[in-house]
Amino acid sequence: DAVLKQWAGLGYYARARNLHACAQA
C-alpha cells in the first residue's frame, strides 16, 4: 500500500505491483 501511494499519478499501476513483487523475488 505504501508503494502504491508513492506511485499514485505515475500511471500503468500494474508496474507498481510488479515492482514490489520483483523486489521481493
PDB file of all heavy atoms in Angstrom:
ATOM      1  N   ASP A   1       0.823  -1.202   0.000  1.00  0.00           N
ATOM      2  CA  ASP A   1       0.000   0.000   0.000  1.00  0.00           C
ATOM      3  C   ASP A   1       0.861   1.256   0.000  1.00  0.00           C
ATOM      4  O   ASP A   1       0.525   2.247  -0.662  1.00  0.00           O
ATOM      5  CB  ASP A   1      -0.928   0.002   1.216  1.00  0.00           C
ATOM      6  CG  ASP A   1      -1.884   1.179   1.205  1.00  0.00           C
ATOM      7  OD1 ASP A   1      -2.653   1.320   0.238  1.00  0.00           O
ATOM      8  OD2 ASP A   1      -1.854   1.984   2.158  1.00  0.00           O
ATOM      9  N   ALA A   2       1.981   1.215   0.728  1.00  0.00           N
ATOM     10  CA  ALA A   2       2.871   2.379   0.751  1.00  0.00           C
ATOM     11  C   ALA A   2       3.494   2.614  -0.617  1.00  0.00           C
ATOM     12  O   ALA A   2       3.645   3.759  -1.071  1.00  0.00           O
ATOM     13  CB  ALA A   2       3.960   2.187   1.805  1.00  0.00           C
ATOM     14  N   VAL A   3       3.849   1.530  -1.314  1.00  0.00           N
ATOM     15  CA  VAL A   3       4.426   1.643  -2.657  1.00  0.00           C
ATOM     16  C   VAL A   3       3.390   2.212  -3.620  1.00  0.00           C
ATOM     17  O   VAL A   3       3.697   3.096  -4.428  1.00  0.00           O
ATOM     18  CB  VAL A   3       4.938   0.269  -3.140  1.00  0.00           C
ATOM     19  CG1 VAL A   3       5.439   0.350  -4.580  1.00  0.00           C
ATOM     20  CG2 VAL A   3       6.056  -0.233  -2.220  1.00  0.00           C
ATOM     21  N   LEU A   4       2.165   1.735  -3.537  1.00  0.00           N
ATOM     22  CA  LEU A   4       1.103   2.231  -4.422  1.00  0.00           C
ATOM     23  C   LEU A   4       0.829   3.710  -4.171  1.00  0.00           C
ATOM     24  O   LEU A   4       0.581   4.475  -5.113  1.00  0.00           O
ATOM     25  CB  LEU A   4      -0.167   1.413  -4.223  1.00  0.00           C
ATOM     26  CG  LEU A   4      -0.111  -0.047  -4.692  1.00  0.00           C
ATOM     27  CD1 LEU A   4      -1.387  -0.781  -4.306  1.00  0.00           C
ATOM     28  CD2 LEU A   4       0.107  -0.141  -6.192  1.00  0.00           C
ATOM     29  N   LYS A   5       0.888   4.124  -2.910  1.00  0.00           N
ATOM     30  CA  LYS A   5       0.661   5.540  -2.598  1.00  0.00           C
ATOM     31  C   LYS A   5       1.739   6.409  -3.230  1.00  0.00           C
ATOM     32  O   LYS A   5       1.458   7.473  -3.771  1.00  0.00           O
ATOM     33  CB  LYS A   5       0.622   5.751  -1.084  1.00  0.00           C
ATOM     34  CG  LYS A   5      -0.670   5.288  -0.434  1.00  0.00           C
ATOM     35  CD  LYS A   5      -0.684   5.578   1.056  1.00  0.00           C
ATOM     36  CE  LYS A   5      -2.013   5.159   1.679  1.00  0.00           C
ATOM     37  NZ  LYS A   5      -2.047   5.435   3.135  1.00  0.00           N
ATOM     38  N   GLN A   6       2.987   5.961  -3.171  1.00  0.00           N
ATOM     39  CA  GLN A   6       4.071   6.749  -3.751  1.00  0.00           C
ATOM     40  C   GLN A   6       4.034   6.727  -5.277  1.00  0.00           C
ATOM     41  O   GLN A   6       4.534   7.645  -5.930  1.00  0.00           O
ATOM     42  CB  GLN A   6       5.429   6.235  -3.252  1.00  0.00           C
ATOM     43  CG  GLN A   6       5.658   6.445  -1.771  1.00  0.00           C
ATOM     44  CD  GLN A   6       5.538   7.901  -1.360  1.00  0.00           C
ATOM     45  OE1 GLN A   6       5.953   8.814  -2.075  1.00  0.00           O
ATOM     46  NE2 GLN A   6       4.936   8.141  -0.197  1.00  0.00           N
ATOM     47  N   TRP A   7       3.443   5.674  -5.832  1.00  0.00           N
ATOM     48  CA  TRP A   7       3.356   5.549  -7.295  1.00  0.00           C
ATOM     49  C   TRP A   7       2.190   6.363  -7.855  1.00  0.00           C
ATOM     50  O   TRP A   7       2.156   6.668  -9.042  1.00  0.00           O
ATOM     51  CB  TRP A   7       3.183   4.077  -7.669  1.00  0.00           C
ATOM     52  CG  TRP A   7       3.375   3.783  -9.120  1.00  0.00           C
ATOM     53  CD1 TRP A   7       2.445   3.891 -10.123  1.00  0.00           C
ATOM     54  CD2 TRP A   7       4.574   3.349  -9.760  1.00  0.00           C
ATOM     55  NE1 TRP A   7       2.982   3.528 -11.324  1.00  0.00           N
ATOM     56  CE2 TRP A   7       4.303   3.191 -11.135  1.00  0.00           C
ATOM     57  CE3 TRP A   7       5.859   3.049  -9.297  1.00  0.00           C
ATOM     58  CZ2 TRP A   7       5.251   2.766 -12.056  1.00  0.00           C
ATOM     59  CZ3 TRP A   7       6.814   2.621 -10.200  1.00  0.00           C
ATOM     60  CH2 TRP A   7       6.517   2.488 -11.563  1.00  0.00           C
ATOM     61  N   ALA A   8       1.223   6.702  -7.026  1.00  0.00           N
ATOM     62  CA  ALA A   8      -0.008   7.340  -7.493  1.00  0.00           C
ATOM     63  C   ALA A   8       0.296   8.535  -8.377  1.00  0.00           C
ATOM     64  O   ALA A   8       1.098   9.402  -8.029  1.00  0.00           O
ATOM     65  CB  ALA A   8      -0.855   7.766  -6.305  1.00  0.00           C
ATOM     66  N   GLY A   9      -0.340   8.579  -9.540  1.00  0.00           N
ATOM     67  CA  GLY A   9      -0.141   9.650 -10.506  1.00  0.00           C
ATOM     68  C   GLY A   9       0.808   9.285 -11.630  1.00  0.00           C
ATOM     69  O   GLY A   9       0.842   9.959 -12.662  1.00  0.00           O
ATOM     70  N   LEU A  10       1.588   8.215 -11.452  1.00  0.00           N
ATOM     71  CA  LEU A  10       2.560   7.829 -12.473  1.00  0.00           C
ATOM     72  C   LEU A  10       1.927   6.956 -13.560  1.00  0.00           C
ATOM     73  O   LEU A  10       2.473   6.825 -14.652  1.00  0.00           O
ATOM     74  CB  LEU A  10       3.738   7.105 -11.821  1.00  0.00           C
ATOM     75  CG  LEU A  10       5.045   6.982 -12.605  1.00  0.00           C
ATOM     76  CD1 LEU A  10       5.517   8.338 -13.105  1.00  0.00           C
ATOM     77  CD2 LEU A  10       6.129   6.344 -11.735  1.00  0.00           C
ATOM     78  N   GLY A  11       0.773   6.348 -13.247  1.00  0.00           N
ATOM     79  CA  GLY A  11       0.045   5.590 -14.256  1.00  0.00           C
ATOM     80  C   GLY A  11       0.540   4.165 -14.445  1.00  0.00           C
ATOM     81  O   GLY A  11       1.571   3.772 -13.903  1.00  0.00           O
ATOM     82  N   TYR A  12      -0.234   3.392 -15.208  1.00  0.00           N
ATOM     83  CA  TYR A  12       0.096   1.988 -15.505  1.00  0.00           C
ATOM     84  C   TYR A  12       0.456   1.258 -14.197  1.00  0.00           C
ATOM     85  O   TYR A  12       1.580   0.818 -13.988  1.00  0.00           O
ATOM     86  CB  TYR A  12       1.239   1.905 -16.526  1.00  0.00           C
ATOM     87  CG  TYR A  12       0.897   2.532 -17.849  1.00  0.00           C
ATOM     88  CD1 TYR A  12       1.193   3.871 -18.095  1.00  0.00           C
ATOM     89  CD2 TYR A  12       0.235   1.816 -18.842  1.00  0.00           C
ATOM     90  CE1 TYR A  12       0.844   4.474 -19.300  1.00  0.00           C
ATOM     91  CE2 TYR A  12      -0.106   2.405 -20.056  1.00  0.00           C
ATOM     92  CZ  TYR A  12       0.203   3.736 -20.277  1.00  0.00           C
ATOM     93  OH  TYR A  12      -0.141   4.325 -21.461  1.00  0.00           O
ATOM     94  N   TYR A  13      -0.547   1.127 -13.343  1.00  0.00           N
ATOM     95  CA  TYR A  13      -0.302   0.747 -11.951  1.00  0.00           C
ATOM     96  C   TYR A  13       0.133  -0.697 -11.759  1.00  0.00           C
ATOM     97  O   TYR A  13       0.647  -1.055 -10.709  1.00  0.00           O
ATOM     98  CB  TYR A  13      -1.540   1.080 -11.109  1.00  0.00           C
ATOM     99  CG  TYR A  13      -1.752   2.574 -11.057  1.00  0.00           C
ATOM    100  CD1 TYR A  13      -2.620   3.208 -11.948  1.00  0.00           C
ATOM    101  CD2 TYR A  13      -1.033   3.357 -10.172  1.00  0.00           C
ATOM    102  CE1 TYR A  13      -2.777   4.582 -11.938  1.00  0.00           C
ATOM    103  CE2 TYR A  13      -1.188   4.732 -10.149  1.00  0.00           C
ATOM    104  CZ  TYR A  13      -2.059   5.337 -11.029  1.00  0.00           C
ATOM    105  OH  TYR A  13      -2.195   6.705 -11.022  1.00  0.00           O
ATOM    106  N   ALA A  14      -0.044  -1.531 -12.772  1.00  0.00           N
ATOM    107  CA  ALA A  14       0.494  -2.893 -12.675  1.00  0.00           C
ATOM    108  C   ALA A  14       2.004  -2.845 -12.506  1.00  0.00           C
ATOM    109  O   ALA A  14       2.600  -3.748 -11.906  1.00  0.00           O
ATOM    110  CB  ALA A  14       0.116  -3.699 -13.915  1.00  0.00           C
ATOM    111  N   ARG A  15       2.641  -1.791 -13.019  1.00  0.00           N
ATOM    112  CA  ARG A  15       4.087  -1.651 -12.860  1.00  0.00           C
ATOM    113  C   ARG A  15       4.464  -1.585 -11.381  1.00  0.00           C
ATOM    114  O   ARG A  15       5.479  -2.153 -10.961  1.00  0.00           O
ATOM    115  CB  ARG A  15       4.593  -0.392 -13.576  1.00  0.00           C
ATOM    116  CG  ARG A  15       4.488  -0.437 -15.083  1.00  0.00           C
ATOM    117  CD  ARG A  15       5.065   0.825 -15.703  1.00  0.00           C
ATOM    118  NE  ARG A  15       4.335   2.020 -15.321  1.00  0.00           N
ATOM    119  CZ  ARG A  15       4.748   3.257 -15.531  1.00  0.00           C
ATOM    120  NH1 ARG A  15       5.917   3.473 -16.111  1.00  0.00           N
ATOM    121  NH2 ARG A  15       4.018   4.297 -15.174  1.00  0.00           N
ATOM    122  N   ALA A  16       3.676  -0.864 -10.588  1.00  0.00           N
ATOM    123  CA  ALA A  16       3.986  -0.725  -9.163  1.00  0.00           C
ATOM    124  C   ALA A  16       3.837  -2.060  -8.445  1.00  0.00           C
ATOM    125  O   ALA A  16       4.661  -2.416  -7.586  1.00  0.00           O
ATOM    126  CB  ALA A  16       3.080   0.324  -8.533  1.00  0.00           C
ATOM    127  N   ARG A  17       2.800  -2.816  -8.777  1.00  0.00           N
ATOM    128  CA  ARG A  17       2.616  -4.123  -8.138  1.00  0.00           C
ATOM    129  C   ARG A  17       3.735  -5.080  -8.549  1.00  0.00           C
ATOM    130  O   ARG A  17       4.272  -5.816  -7.710  1.00  0.00           O
ATOM    131  CB  ARG A  17       1.244  -4.689  -8.507  1.00  0.00           C
ATOM    132  CG  ARG A  17       0.091  -3.820  -8.006  1.00  0.00           C
ATOM    133  CD  ARG A  17      -1.257  -4.503  -8.191  1.00  0.00           C
ATOM    134  NE  ARG A  17      -1.609  -4.689  -9.591  1.00  0.00           N
ATOM    135  CZ  ARG A  17      -2.207  -3.785 -10.337  1.00  0.00           C
ATOM    136  NH1 ARG A  17      -2.510  -2.600  -9.843  1.00  0.00           N
ATOM    137  NH2 ARG A  17      -2.519  -4.030 -11.604  1.00  0.00           N
ATOM    138  N   ASN A  18       4.101  -5.062  -9.831  1.00  0.00           N
ATOM    139  CA  ASN A  18       5.209  -5.908 -10.283  1.00  0.00           C
ATOM    140  C   ASN A  18       6.539  -5.460  -9.688  1.00  0.00           C
ATOM    141  O   ASN A  18       7.410  -6.285  -9.401  1.00  0.00           O
ATOM    142  CB  ASN A  18       5.295  -5.880 -11.811  1.00  0.00           C
ATOM    143  CG  ASN A  18       4.198  -6.689 -12.470  1.00  0.00           C
ATOM    144  OD1 ASN A  18       3.687  -7.649 -11.893  1.00  0.00           O
ATOM    145  ND2 ASN A  18       3.828  -6.316 -13.672  1.00  0.00           N
ATOM    146  N   LEU A  19       6.696  -4.152  -9.503  1.00  0.00           N
ATOM    147  CA  LEU A  19       7.917  -3.621  -8.894  1.00  0.00           C
ATOM    148  C   LEU A  19       8.113  -4.211  -7.505  1.00  0.00           C
ATOM    149  O   LEU A  19       9.202  -4.682  -7.152  1.00  0.00           O
ATOM    150  CB  LEU A  19       7.801  -2.093  -8.806  1.00  0.00           C
ATOM    151  CG  LEU A  19       9.064  -1.313  -8.481  1.00  0.00           C
ATOM    152  CD1 LEU A  19       9.892  -1.102  -9.740  1.00  0.00           C
ATOM    153  CD2 LEU A  19       8.703   0.047  -7.882  1.00  0.00           C
ATOM    154  N   HIS A  20       7.052  -4.198  -6.720  1.00  0.00           N
ATOM    155  CA  HIS A  20       7.125  -4.720  -5.355  1.00  0.00           C
ATOM    156  C   HIS A  20       7.393  -6.220  -5.365  1.00  0.00           C
ATOM    157  O   HIS A  20       8.236  -6.728  -4.605  1.00  0.00           O
ATOM    158  CB  HIS A  20       5.816  -4.408  -4.635  1.00  0.00           C
ATOM    159  CG  HIS A  20       5.858  -4.634  -3.160  1.00  0.00           C
ATOM    160  ND1 HIS A  20       5.167  -5.656  -2.554  1.00  0.00           N
ATOM    161  CD2 HIS A  20       6.533  -3.990  -2.175  1.00  0.00           C
ATOM    162  CE1 HIS A  20       5.383  -5.617  -1.249  1.00  0.00           C
ATOM    163  NE2 HIS A  20       6.206  -4.619  -0.996  1.00  0.00           N
ATOM    164  N   ALA A  21       6.683  -6.946  -6.240  1.00  0.00           N
ATOM    165  CA  ALA A  21       6.888  -8.395  -6.333  1.00  0.00           C
ATOM    166  C   ALA A  21       8.306  -8.721  -6.785  1.00  0.00           C
ATOM    167  O   ALA A  21       8.928  -9.677  -6.302  1.00  0.00           O
ATOM    168  CB  ALA A  21       5.866  -9.003  -7.290  1.00  0.00           C
ATOM    169  N   CYS A  22       8.840  -7.938  -7.715  1.00  0.00           N
ATOM    170  CA  CYS A  22      10.200  -8.169  -8.207  1.00  0.00           C
ATOM    171  C   CYS A  22      11.214  -7.942  -7.098  1.00  0.00           C
ATOM    172  O   CYS A  22      12.167  -8.726  -6.938  1.00  0.00           O
ATOM    173  CB  CYS A  22      10.480  -7.255  -9.395  1.00  0.00           C
ATOM    174  SG  CYS A  22      12.096  -7.515 -10.145  1.00  0.00           S
ATOM    175  N   ALA A  23      11.049  -6.878  -6.331  1.00  0.00           N
ATOM    176  CA  ALA A  23      11.970  -6.609  -5.219  1.00  0.00           C
ATOM    177  C   ALA A  23      11.974  -7.773  -4.237  1.00  0.00           C
ATOM    178  O   ALA A  23      13.044  -8.206  -3.763  1.00  0.00           O
ATOM    179  CB  ALA A  23      11.576  -5.315  -4.521  1.00  0.00           C
ATOM    180  N   GLN A  24      10.799  -8.299  -3.935  1.00  0.00           N
ATOM    181  CA  GLN A  24      10.727  -9.434  -3.005  1.00  0.00           C
ATOM    182  C   GLN A  24      11.403 -10.670  -3.596  1.00  0.00           C
ATOM    183  O   GLN A  24      12.088 -11.414  -2.886  1.00  0.00           O
ATOM    184  CB  GLN A  24       9.269  -9.716  -2.656  1.00  0.00           C
ATOM    185  CG  GLN A  24       8.638  -8.600  -1.826  1.00  0.00           C
ATOM    186  CD  GLN A  24       7.184  -8.872  -1.482  1.00  0.00           C
ATOM    187  OE1 GLN A  24       6.442  -9.486  -2.248  1.00  0.00           O
ATOM    188  NE2 GLN A  24       6.751  -8.412  -0.312  1.00  0.00           N
ATOM    189  N   ALA A  25      11.251 -10.875  -4.908  1.00  0.00           N
ATOM    190  CA  ALA A  25      11.891 -12.024  -5.555  1.00  0.00           C
ATOM    191  C   ALA A  25      13.409 -11.894  -5.540  1.00  0.00           C
ATOM    192  O   ALA A  25      14.130 -12.888  -5.356  1.00  0.00           O
ATOM    193  CB  ALA A  25      11.384 -12.159  -6.988  1.00  0.00           C
TER     194      ALA A  25
END
